[in-house]
Amino acid sequence: MSNLKKRENPSDGCCSGIKDELPATNREIMYGISKDYRSRGYTTQAVQGVIQYLFENTGLKN
């Protein structure tokens, strides 16, 4: 995610949460990105980072 850190606020937010409607092992990722930064791969990069963090730091299993 190093490219995201070098930019000024490309994303309005990216987070993960537990959703009651999903089976216990699933997570939902929510995000918003400003229209000026769409189609540049920032959301893909941020979501990949969130997924990596979840697997490495929260005990989430495949």
C-alpha atoms as a PDB file:
ATOM      1  CA  MET A   1       0.000   0.000   0.000  1.00  0.00           C
ATOM      2  CA  SER A   2       2.967   2.322  -0.268  1.00  0.00           C
ATOM      3  CA  ASN A   3       1.496   4.200  -3.249  1.00  0.00           C
ATOM      4  CA  LEU A   4      -1.587   5.124  -1.244  1.00  0.00           C
ATOM      5  CA  LYS A   5       0.498   6.636   1.522  1.00  0.00           C
ATOM      6  CA  LYS A   6       2.237   8.967  -0.955  1.00  0.00           C
ATOM      7  CA  ARG A   7      -1.048  10.408  -2.278  1.00  0.00           C
ATOM      8  CA  GLU A   8      -3.281  13.039  -0.726  1.00  0.00           C
ATOM      9  CA  ASN A   9      -6.542  11.419   0.424  1.00  0.00           C
ATOM     10  CA  PRO A  10      -7.431   9.335  -2.642  1.00  0.00           C
ATOM     11  CA  SER A  11      -9.890   7.304  -0.608  1.00  0.00           C
ATOM     12  CA  ASP A  12     -12.824   8.431   1.459  1.00  0.00           C
ATOM     13  CA  GLY A  13     -12.548   5.226   3.467  1.00  0.00           C
ATOM     14  CA  CYS A  14     -11.918   1.501   3.444  1.00  0.00           C
ATOM     15  CA  CYS A  15     -12.781  -0.879   6.261  1.00  0.00           C
ATOM     16  CA  SER A  16     -13.903  -4.402   7.097  1.00  0.00           C
ATOM     17  CA  GLY A  17     -16.691  -5.551   9.335  1.00  0.00           C
ATOM     18  CA  ILE A  18     -18.654  -8.566  10.430  1.00  0.00           C
ATOM     19  CA  LYS A  19     -22.095  -8.713   8.868  1.00  0.00           C
ATOM     20  CA  ASP A  20     -24.752 -10.723  10.696  1.00  0.00           C
ATOM     21  CA  GLU A  21     -26.282 -11.971   7.424  1.00  0.00           C
ATOM     22  CA  LEU A  22     -23.028 -13.719   6.399  1.00  0.00           C
ATOM     23  CA  PRO A  23     -21.663 -17.009   7.792  1.00  0.00           C
ATOM     24  CA  ALA A  24     -19.310 -16.510  10.741  1.00  0.00           C
ATOM     25  CA  THR A  25     -16.060 -16.851   8.773  1.00  0.00           C
ATOM     26  CA  ASN A  26     -16.963 -14.174   6.206  1.00  0.00           C
ATOM     27  CA  ARG A  27     -16.265 -10.448   6.310  1.00  0.00           C
ATOM     28  CA  GLU A  28     -17.634  -7.555   4.336  1.00  0.00           C
ATOM     29  CA  ILE A  29     -15.330  -4.873   2.946  1.00  0.00           C
ATOM     30  CA  MET A  30     -16.844  -1.427   2.486  1.00  0.00           C
ATOM     31  CA  TYR A  31     -15.187   1.453   0.688  1.00  0.00           C
ATOM     32  CA  GLY A  32     -15.735   4.819  -0.891  1.00  0.00           C
ATOM     33  CA  ILE A  33     -13.424   6.692  -3.219  1.00  0.00           C
ATOM     34  CA  SER A  34     -13.599  10.210  -4.592  1.00  0.00           C
ATOM     35  CA  LYS A  35     -14.473  10.411  -8.299  1.00  0.00           C
ATOM     36  CA  ASP A  36     -11.178  12.179  -9.048  1.00  0.00           C
ATOM     37  CA  TYR A  37      -9.266   9.049  -7.979  1.00  0.00           C
ATOM     38  CA  ARG A  38     -11.371   6.307  -9.603  1.00  0.00           C
ATOM     39  CA  SER A  39      -9.955   3.912 -12.237  1.00  0.00           C
ATOM     40  CA  ARG A  40      -6.398   4.262 -10.949  1.00  0.00           C
ATOM     41  CA  GLY A  41      -6.171   1.009  -8.977  1.00  0.00           C
ATOM     42  CA  TYR A  42      -6.255   2.675  -5.552  1.00  0.00           C
ATOM     43  CA  THR A  43      -9.332   0.766  -4.377  1.00  0.00           C
ATOM     44  CA  THR A  44      -7.900  -2.551  -5.570  1.00  0.00           C
ATOM     45  CA  GLN A  45      -4.668  -1.830  -3.727  1.00  0.00           C
ATOM     46  CA  ALA A  46      -6.477  -0.763  -0.546  1.00  0.00           C
ATOM     47  CA  VAL A  47      -8.756  -3.807  -0.535  1.00  0.00           C
ATOM     48  CA  GLN A  48      -5.784  -6.133  -1.066  1.00  0.00           C
ATOM     49  CA  GLY A  49      -4.109  -4.492   1.931  1.00  0.00           C
ATOM     50  CA  VAL A  50      -7.220  -4.900   4.097  1.00  0.00           C
ATOM     51  CA  ILE A  51      -7.489  -8.574   3.107  1.00  0.00           C
ATOM     52  CA  GLN A  52      -3.811  -9.170   3.863  1.00  0.00           C
ATOM     53  CA  TYR A  53      -4.184  -7.436   7.239  1.00  0.00           C
ATOM     54  CA  LEU A  54      -7.244  -9.516   8.152  1.00  0.00           C
ATOM     55  CA  PHE A  55      -5.496 -12.809   7.412  1.00  0.00           C
ATOM     56  CA  GLU A  56      -2.230 -11.837   9.114  1.00  0.00           C
ATOM     57  CA  ASN A  57      -3.552 -10.035  12.196  1.00  0.00           C
ATOM     58  CA  THR A  58      -7.054 -11.172  13.147  1.00  0.00           C
ATOM     59  CA  GLY A  59      -6.981 -14.958  13.070  1.00  0.00           C
ATOM     60  CA  LEU A  60      -9.228 -15.034   9.993  1.00  0.00           C
ATOM     61  CA  LYS A  61      -8.741 -18.329   8.177  1.00  0.00           C
ATOM     62  CA  ASN A  62      -9.116 -19.310   4.510  1.00  0.00           C
END
